[in-house]
Full PDB file with SEQRES, HELIX, SHEET, SSBOND, CRYST1, ORIGX, SCALE, CONECT and MASTER records, all heavy atoms in Angstrom:
SEQRES   1 A   32  ASN ASP VAL PRO ALA GLY LEU LEU ASP GLY PRO TRP GLY          
SEQRES   2 A   32  ASP VAL ALA TYR MET VAL ALA VAL SER ALA GLN ASP GLY          
SEQRES   3 A   32  ILE MET GLN LEU VAL ALA                                      
HELIX    1 AA1 ASP A   14  VAL A   31  1                                  18    
CRYST1    1.000    1.000    1.000  90.00  90.00  90.00 P 1           1          
ORIGX1      1.000000  0.000000  0.000000        0.00000                         
ORIGX2      0.000000  1.000000  0.000000        0.00000                         
ORIGX3      0.000000  0.000000  1.000000        0.00000                         
SCALE1      1.000000  0.000000  0.000000        0.00000                         
SCALE2      0.000000  1.000000  0.000000        0.00000                         
SCALE3      0.000000  0.000000  1.000000        0.00000                         
ATOM      1  N   ASN A   1     107.672 101.453  87.913  1.00  0.00           N  
ATOM      2  CA  ASN A   1     106.903 102.000  89.022  1.00  0.00           C  
ATOM      3  C   ASN A   1     107.792 102.892  89.866  1.00  0.00           C  
ATOM      4  O   ASN A   1     109.014 102.797  89.801  1.00  0.00           O  
ATOM      5  CB  ASN A   1     106.333 100.874  89.893  1.00  0.00           C  
ATOM      6  CG  ASN A   1     105.089 101.307  90.648  1.00  0.00           C  
ATOM      7  OD1 ASN A   1     104.670 102.458  90.586  1.00  0.00           O  
ATOM      8  ND2 ASN A   1     104.496 100.374  91.374  1.00  0.00           N  
ATOM      9  N   ASP A   2     107.181 103.769  90.665  1.00  0.00           N  
ATOM     10  CA  ASP A   2     107.896 104.573  91.649  1.00  0.00           C  
ATOM     11  C   ASP A   2     107.778 103.895  93.004  1.00  0.00           C  
ATOM     12  O   ASP A   2     106.669 103.502  93.411  1.00  0.00           O  
ATOM     13  CB  ASP A   2     107.304 105.981  91.724  1.00  0.00           C  
ATOM     14  CG  ASP A   2     107.573 106.790  90.462  1.00  0.00           C  
ATOM     15  OD1 ASP A   2     108.591 106.521  89.799  1.00  0.00           O  
ATOM     16  OD2 ASP A   2     106.760 107.676  90.140  1.00  0.00           O  
ATOM     17  N   VAL A   3     108.895 103.757  93.683  1.00  0.00           N  
ATOM     18  CA  VAL A   3     108.911 103.118  94.998  1.00  0.00           C  
ATOM     19  C   VAL A   3     109.578 104.067  95.991  1.00  0.00           C  
ATOM     20  O   VAL A   3     110.295 104.995  95.594  1.00  0.00           O  
ATOM     21  CB  VAL A   3     109.672 101.772  94.951  1.00  0.00           C  
ATOM     22  CG1 VAL A   3     109.041 100.832  93.937  1.00  0.00           C  
ATOM     23  CG2 VAL A   3     111.153 101.987  94.631  1.00  0.00           C  
ATOM     24  N   PRO A   4     109.359 103.850  97.284  1.00  0.00           N  
ATOM     25  CA  PRO A   4     110.040 104.689  98.277  1.00  0.00           C  
ATOM     26  C   PRO A   4     111.549 104.639  98.092  1.00  0.00           C  
ATOM     27  O   PRO A   4     112.123 103.572  97.839  1.00  0.00           O  
ATOM     28  CB  PRO A   4     109.609 104.071  99.604  1.00  0.00           C  
ATOM     29  CG  PRO A   4     108.285 103.434  99.308  1.00  0.00           C  
ATOM     30  CD  PRO A   4     108.420 102.901  97.907  1.00  0.00           C  
ATOM     31  N   ALA A   5     112.210 105.777  98.212  1.00  0.00           N  
ATOM     32  CA  ALA A   5     113.664 105.847  98.027  1.00  0.00           C  
ATOM     33  C   ALA A   5     114.369 104.893  98.978  1.00  0.00           C  
ATOM     34  O   ALA A   5     114.069 104.840 100.165  1.00  0.00           O  
ATOM     35  CB  ALA A   5     114.144 107.280  98.260  1.00  0.00           C  
ATOM     36  N   GLY A   6     115.297 104.116  98.419  1.00  0.00           N  
ATOM     37  CA  GLY A   6     116.090 103.200  99.219  1.00  0.00           C  
ATOM     38  C   GLY A   6     115.448 101.863  99.481  1.00  0.00           C  
ATOM     39  O   GLY A   6     116.076 100.977 100.085  1.00  0.00           O  
ATOM     40  N   LEU A   7     114.195 101.669  99.036  1.00  0.00           N  
ATOM     41  CA  LEU A   7     113.496 100.412  99.313  1.00  0.00           C  
ATOM     42  C   LEU A   7     114.261  99.197  98.819  1.00  0.00           C  
ATOM     43  O   LEU A   7     114.267  98.140  99.453  1.00  0.00           O  
ATOM     44  CB  LEU A   7     112.098 100.449  98.665  1.00  0.00           C  
ATOM     45  CG  LEU A   7     111.275  99.154  98.774  1.00  0.00           C  
ATOM     46  CD1 LEU A   7     110.896  98.888 100.220  1.00  0.00           C  
ATOM     47  CD2 LEU A   7     110.029  99.233  97.894  1.00  0.00           C  
ATOM     48  N   LEU A   8     114.938  99.349  97.666  1.00  0.00           N  
ATOM     49  CA  LEU A   8     115.590  98.205  97.031  1.00  0.00           C  
ATOM     50  C   LEU A   8     117.097  98.158  97.281  1.00  0.00           C  
ATOM     51  O   LEU A   8     117.788  97.352  96.666  1.00  0.00           O  
ATOM     52  CB  LEU A   8     115.311  98.231  95.525  1.00  0.00           C  
ATOM     53  CG  LEU A   8     113.837  98.288  95.125  1.00  0.00           C  
ATOM     54  CD1 LEU A   8     113.702  98.320  93.611  1.00  0.00           C  
ATOM     55  CD2 LEU A   8     113.055  97.110  95.699  1.00  0.00           C  
ATOM     56  N   ASP A   9     117.578  98.984  98.184  1.00  0.00           N  
ATOM     57  CA  ASP A   9     119.019  99.025  98.423  1.00  0.00           C  
ATOM     58  C   ASP A   9     119.526  97.821  99.211  1.00  0.00           C  
ATOM     59  O   ASP A   9     120.728  97.524  99.186  1.00  0.00           O  
ATOM     60  CB  ASP A   9     119.403 100.311  99.174  1.00  0.00           C  
ATOM     61  CG  ASP A   9     119.273 101.541  98.283  1.00  0.00           C  
ATOM     62  OD1 ASP A   9     119.152 101.360  97.061  1.00  0.00           O  
ATOM     63  OD2 ASP A   9     119.277 102.667  98.822  1.00  0.00           O  
ATOM     64  N   GLY A  10     118.656  97.148  99.917  1.00  0.00           N  
ATOM     65  CA  GLY A  10     119.029  95.963 100.697  1.00  0.00           C  
ATOM     66  C   GLY A  10     118.308  94.743 100.168  1.00  0.00           C  
ATOM     67  O   GLY A  10     118.138  94.580  98.950  1.00  0.00           O  
ATOM     68  N   PRO A  11     117.845  93.869 101.047  1.00  0.00           N  
ATOM     69  CA  PRO A  11     117.090  92.682 100.613  1.00  0.00           C  
ATOM     70  C   PRO A  11     115.775  93.086  99.942  1.00  0.00           C  
ATOM     71  O   PRO A  11     115.040  93.924 100.469  1.00  0.00           O  
ATOM     72  CB  PRO A  11     116.839  91.930 101.925  1.00  0.00           C  
ATOM     73  CG  PRO A  11     117.885  92.426 102.867  1.00  0.00           C  
ATOM     74  CD  PRO A  11     118.108  93.861 102.502  1.00  0.00           C  
ATOM     75  N   TRP A  12     115.472  92.463  98.818  1.00  0.00           N  
ATOM     76  CA  TRP A  12     114.231  92.772  98.119  1.00  0.00           C  
ATOM     77  C   TRP A  12     113.033  92.090  98.769  1.00  0.00           C  
ATOM     78  O   TRP A  12     111.923  92.562  98.678  1.00  0.00           O  
ATOM     79  CB  TRP A  12     114.338  92.354  96.647  1.00  0.00           C  
ATOM     80  CG  TRP A  12     115.117  93.316  95.810  1.00  0.00           C  
ATOM     81  CD1 TRP A  12     116.307  93.922  96.129  1.00  0.00           C  
ATOM     82  CD2 TRP A  12     114.763  93.781  94.507  1.00  0.00           C  
ATOM     83  NE1 TRP A  12     116.733  94.731  95.116  1.00  0.00           N  
ATOM     84  CE2 TRP A  12     115.804  94.671  94.086  1.00  0.00           C  
ATOM     85  CE3 TRP A  12     113.707  93.555  93.647  1.00  0.00           C  
ATOM     86  CZ2 TRP A  12     115.779  95.308  92.858  1.00  0.00           C  
ATOM     87  CZ3 TRP A  12     113.680  94.177  92.410  1.00  0.00           C  
ATOM     88  CH2 TRP A  12     114.706  95.054  92.024  1.00  0.00           C  
ATOM     89  N   GLY A  13     113.252  90.916  99.369  1.00  0.00           N  
ATOM     90  CA  GLY A  13     112.169  90.215 100.048  1.00  0.00           C  
ATOM     91  C   GLY A  13     110.980  89.938  99.145  1.00  0.00           C  
ATOM     92  O   GLY A  13     111.129  89.474  98.003  1.00  0.00           O  
ATOM     93  N   ASP A  14     109.779  90.288  99.641  1.00  0.00           N  
ATOM     94  CA  ASP A  14     108.554  90.012  98.896  1.00  0.00           C  
ATOM     95  C   ASP A  14     108.439  90.818  97.612  1.00  0.00           C  
ATOM     96  O   ASP A  14     107.682  90.456  96.709  1.00  0.00           O  
ATOM     97  CB  ASP A  14     107.324  90.296  99.767  1.00  0.00           C  
ATOM     98  CG  ASP A  14     107.150  89.288 100.889  1.00  0.00           C  
ATOM     99  OD1 ASP A  14     107.767  88.206 100.790  1.00  0.00           O  
ATOM    100  OD2 ASP A  14     106.419  89.581 101.847  1.00  0.00           O  
ATOM    101  N   VAL A  15     109.188  91.914  97.520  1.00  0.00           N  
ATOM    102  CA  VAL A  15     109.121  92.727  96.299  1.00  0.00           C  
ATOM    103  C   VAL A  15     109.567  91.914  95.088  1.00  0.00           C  
ATOM    104  O   VAL A  15     108.952  91.974  94.013  1.00  0.00           O  
ATOM    105  CB  VAL A  15     109.988  93.994  96.439  1.00  0.00           C  
ATOM    106  CG1 VAL A  15     110.074  94.736  95.107  1.00  0.00           C  
ATOM    107  CG2 VAL A  15     109.415  94.904  97.510  1.00  0.00           C  
ATOM    108  N   ALA A  16     110.630  91.117  95.250  1.00  0.00           N  
ATOM    109  CA  ALA A  16     111.110  90.286  94.142  1.00  0.00           C  
ATOM    110  C   ALA A  16     110.031  89.309  93.693  1.00  0.00           C  
ATOM    111  O   ALA A  16     109.814  89.095  92.496  1.00  0.00           O  
ATOM    112  CB  ALA A  16     112.368  89.531  94.564  1.00  0.00           C  
ATOM    113  N   TYR A  17     109.337  88.748  94.654  1.00  0.00           N  
ATOM    114  CA  TYR A  17     108.271  87.788  94.345  1.00  0.00           C  
ATOM    115  C   TYR A  17     107.134  88.475  93.588  1.00  0.00           C  
ATOM    116  O   TYR A  17     106.630  87.949  92.592  1.00  0.00           O  
ATOM    117  CB  TYR A  17     107.763  87.182  95.650  1.00  0.00           C  
ATOM    118  CG  TYR A  17     106.629  86.206  95.491  1.00  0.00           C  
ATOM    119  CD1 TYR A  17     106.866  84.886  95.095  1.00  0.00           C  
ATOM    120  CD2 TYR A  17     105.318  86.596  95.727  1.00  0.00           C  
ATOM    121  CE1 TYR A  17     105.818  83.998  94.950  1.00  0.00           C  
ATOM    122  CE2 TYR A  17     104.274  85.716  95.589  1.00  0.00           C  
ATOM    123  CZ  TYR A  17     104.524  84.405  95.201  1.00  0.00           C  
ATOM    124  OH  TYR A  17     103.478  83.529  95.054  1.00  0.00           O  
ATOM    125  N   MET A  18     106.733  89.660  94.036  1.00  0.00           N  
ATOM    126  CA  MET A  18     105.641  90.359  93.385  1.00  0.00           C  
ATOM    127  C   MET A  18     106.009  90.804  91.966  1.00  0.00           C  
ATOM    128  O   MET A  18     105.183  90.794  91.063  1.00  0.00           O  
ATOM    129  CB  MET A  18     105.220  91.580  94.223  1.00  0.00           C  
ATOM    130  CG  MET A  18     104.584  91.205  95.549  1.00  0.00           C  
ATOM    131  SD  MET A  18     103.201  90.056  95.341  1.00  0.00           S  
ATOM    132  CE  MET A  18     102.878  89.630  97.052  1.00  0.00           C  
ATOM    133  N   VAL A  19     107.260  91.212  91.785  1.00  0.00           N  
ATOM    134  CA  VAL A  19     107.721  91.555  90.444  1.00  0.00           C  
ATOM    135  C   VAL A  19     107.622  90.335  89.529  1.00  0.00           C  
ATOM    136  O   VAL A  19     107.150  90.418  88.387  1.00  0.00           O  
ATOM    137  CB  VAL A  19     109.165  92.077  90.484  1.00  0.00           C  
ATOM    138  CG1 VAL A  19     109.735  92.193  89.069  1.00  0.00           C  
ATOM    139  CG2 VAL A  19     109.223  93.434  91.171  1.00  0.00           C  
ATOM    140  N   ALA A  20     108.057  89.182  90.036  1.00  0.00           N  
ATOM    141  CA  ALA A  20     108.026  87.955  89.235  1.00  0.00           C  
ATOM    142  C   ALA A  20     106.599  87.554  88.899  1.00  0.00           C  
ATOM    143  O   ALA A  20     106.289  87.154  87.768  1.00  0.00           O  
ATOM    144  CB  ALA A  20     108.735  86.830  89.990  1.00  0.00           C  
ATOM    145  N   VAL A  21     105.701  87.653  89.874  1.00  0.00           N  
ATOM    146  CA  VAL A  21     104.292  87.314  89.649  1.00  0.00           C  
ATOM    147  C   VAL A  21     103.695  88.195  88.562  1.00  0.00           C  
ATOM    148  O   VAL A  21     102.983  87.730  87.666  1.00  0.00           O  
ATOM    149  CB  VAL A  21     103.484  87.439  90.954  1.00  0.00           C  
ATOM    150  CG1 VAL A  21     101.981  87.376  90.679  1.00  0.00           C  
ATOM    151  CG2 VAL A  21     103.871  86.335  91.929  1.00  0.00           C  
ATOM    152  N   SER A  22     103.998  89.496  88.627  1.00  0.00           N  
ATOM    153  CA  SER A  22     103.448  90.430  87.643  1.00  0.00           C  
ATOM    154  C   SER A  22     103.997  90.199  86.241  1.00  0.00           C  
ATOM    155  O   SER A  22     103.330  90.477  85.251  1.00  0.00           O  
ATOM    156  CB  SER A  22     103.750  91.871  88.079  1.00  0.00           C  
ATOM    157  OG  SER A  22     103.125  92.175  89.302  1.00  0.00           O  
ATOM    158  N   ALA A  23     105.227  89.693  86.157  1.00  0.00           N  
ATOM    159  CA  ALA A  23     105.874  89.517  84.853  1.00  0.00           C  
ATOM    160  C   ALA A  23     105.567  88.180  84.202  1.00  0.00           C  
ATOM    161  O   ALA A  23     105.770  88.012  82.998  1.00  0.00           O  
ATOM    162  CB  ALA A  23     107.387  89.664  85.004  1.00  0.00           C  
ATOM    163  N   GLN A  24     105.071  87.207  84.964  1.00  0.00           N  
ATOM    164  CA  GLN A  24     105.002  85.831  84.459  1.00  0.00           C  
ATOM    165  C   GLN A  24     104.135  85.669  83.210  1.00  0.00           C  
ATOM    166  O   GLN A  24     104.518  84.963  82.276  1.00  0.00           O  
ATOM    167  CB  GLN A  24     104.508  84.883  85.554  1.00  0.00           C  
ATOM    168  CG  GLN A  24     103.079  85.107  86.008  1.00  0.00           C  
ATOM    169  CD  GLN A  24     102.594  84.010  86.938  1.00  0.00           C  
ATOM    170  OE1 GLN A  24     102.998  82.856  86.838  1.00  0.00           O  
ATOM    171  NE2 GLN A  24     101.726  84.374  87.875  1.00  0.00           N  
ATOM    172  N   ASP A  25     102.969  86.334  83.159  1.00  0.00           N  
ATOM    173  CA  ASP A  25     102.091  86.148  82.009  1.00  0.00           C  
ATOM    174  C   ASP A  25     102.746  86.647  80.724  1.00  0.00           C  
ATOM    175  O   ASP A  25     102.692  85.986  79.683  1.00  0.00           O  
ATOM    176  CB  ASP A  25     100.760  86.863  82.223  1.00  0.00           C  
ATOM    177  CG  ASP A  25      99.864  86.153  83.222  1.00  0.00           C  
ATOM    178  OD1 ASP A  25     100.173  84.995  83.556  1.00  0.00           O  
ATOM    179  OD2 ASP A  25      98.878  86.750  83.678  1.00  0.00           O  
ATOM    180  N   GLY A  26     103.359  87.819  80.804  1.00  0.00           N  
ATOM    181  CA  GLY A  26     104.029  88.362  79.626  1.00  0.00           C  
ATOM    182  C   GLY A  26     105.189  87.501  79.186  1.00  0.00           C  
ATOM    183  O   GLY A  26     105.393  87.267  77.995  1.00  0.00           O  
ATOM    184  N   ILE A  27     105.960  87.005  80.147  1.00  0.00           N  
ATOM    185  CA  ILE A  27     107.096  86.141  79.820  1.00  0.00           C  
ATOM    186  C   ILE A  27     106.615  84.866  79.156  1.00  0.00           C  
ATOM    187  O   ILE A  27     107.182  84.422  78.147  1.00  0.00           O  
ATOM    188  CB  ILE A  27     107.910  85.830  81.086  1.00  0.00           C  
ATOM    189  CG1 ILE A  27     108.639  87.085  81.572  1.00  0.00           C  
ATOM    190  CG2 ILE A  27     108.920  84.704  80.821  1.00  0.00           C  
ATOM    191  CD1 ILE A  27     109.305  86.934  82.915  1.00  0.00           C  
ATOM    192  N   MET A  28     105.547  84.273  79.678  1.00  0.00           N  
ATOM    193  CA  MET A  28     105.057  83.017  79.110  1.00  0.00           C  
ATOM    194  C   MET A  28     104.491  83.218  77.707  1.00  0.00           C  
ATOM    195  O   MET A  28     104.560  82.310  76.878  1.00  0.00           O  
ATOM    196  CB  MET A  28     104.010  82.391  80.033  1.00  0.00           C  
ATOM    197  CG  MET A  28     104.590  81.796  81.308  1.00  0.00           C  
ATOM    198  SD  MET A  28     105.931  80.599  81.015  1.00  0.00           S  
ATOM    199  CE  MET A  28     105.065  79.333  80.046  1.00  0.00           C  
ATOM    200  N   GLN A  29     103.940  84.385  77.422  1.00  0.00           N  
ATOM    201  CA  GLN A  29     103.485  84.651  76.050  1.00  0.00           C  
ATOM    202  C   GLN A  29     104.668  84.681  75.087  1.00  0.00           C  
ATOM    203  O   GLN A  29     104.585  84.172  73.963  1.00  0.00           O  
ATOM    204  CB  GLN A  29     102.723  85.969  76.005  1.00  0.00           C  
ATOM    205  CG  GLN A  29     101.357  85.919  76.664  1.00  0.00           C  
ATOM    206  CD  GLN A  29     100.598  87.231  76.530  1.00  0.00           C  
ATOM    207  OE1 GLN A  29     100.610  87.862  75.473  1.00  0.00           O  
ATOM    208  NE2 GLN A  29      99.950  87.656  77.598  1.00  0.00           N  
ATOM    209  N   LEU A  30     105.764  85.270  75.535  1.00  0.00           N  
ATOM    210  CA  LEU A  30     106.966  85.302  74.696  1.00  0.00           C  
ATOM    211  C   LEU A  30     107.551  83.905  74.549  1.00  0.00           C  
ATOM    212  O   LEU A  30     108.041  83.536  73.472  1.00  0.00           O  
ATOM    213  CB  LEU A  30     107.996  86.253  75.289  1.00  0.00           C  
ATOM    214  CG  LEU A  30     107.608  87.730  75.312  1.00  0.00           C  
ATOM    215  CD1 LEU A  30     108.699  88.553  75.993  1.00  0.00           C  
ATOM    216  CD2 LEU A  30     107.367  88.248  73.899  1.00  0.00           C  
ATOM    217  N   VAL A  31     107.526  83.123  75.623  1.00  0.00           N  
ATOM    218  CA  VAL A  31     108.007  81.735  75.552  1.00  0.00           C  
ATOM    219  C   VAL A  31     107.190  80.951  74.541  1.00  0.00           C  
ATOM    220  O   VAL A  31     107.730  80.193  73.727  1.00  0.00           O  
ATOM    221  CB  VAL A  31     107.947  81.065  76.937  1.00  0.00           C  
ATOM    222  CG1 VAL A  31     108.172  79.557  76.822  1.00  0.00           C  
ATOM    223  CG2 VAL A  31     108.987  81.677  77.872  1.00  0.00           C  
ATOM    224  N   ALA A  32     105.868  81.150  74.567  1.00  0.00           N  
ATOM    225  CA  ALA A  32     105.005  80.454  73.600  1.00  0.00           C  
ATOM    226  C   ALA A  32     105.345  80.865  72.178  1.00  0.00           C  
ATOM    227  O   ALA A  32     105.366  80.043  71.264  1.00  0.00           O  
ATOM    228  CB  ALA A  32     103.533  80.758  73.901  1.00  0.00           C  
TER     229      ALA A  32                                                      
MASTER        0    0    0    1    0    0    0    6  228    1    0    3          
END                                                                             
């Protein structure tokens, strides 16, 4: 995705959580 420049240069905060939420289904399919 494209994000505002510098958004991830410091604390990721809720962004890390949202990335994890979006990735979980795909990861669990690979785990299965």
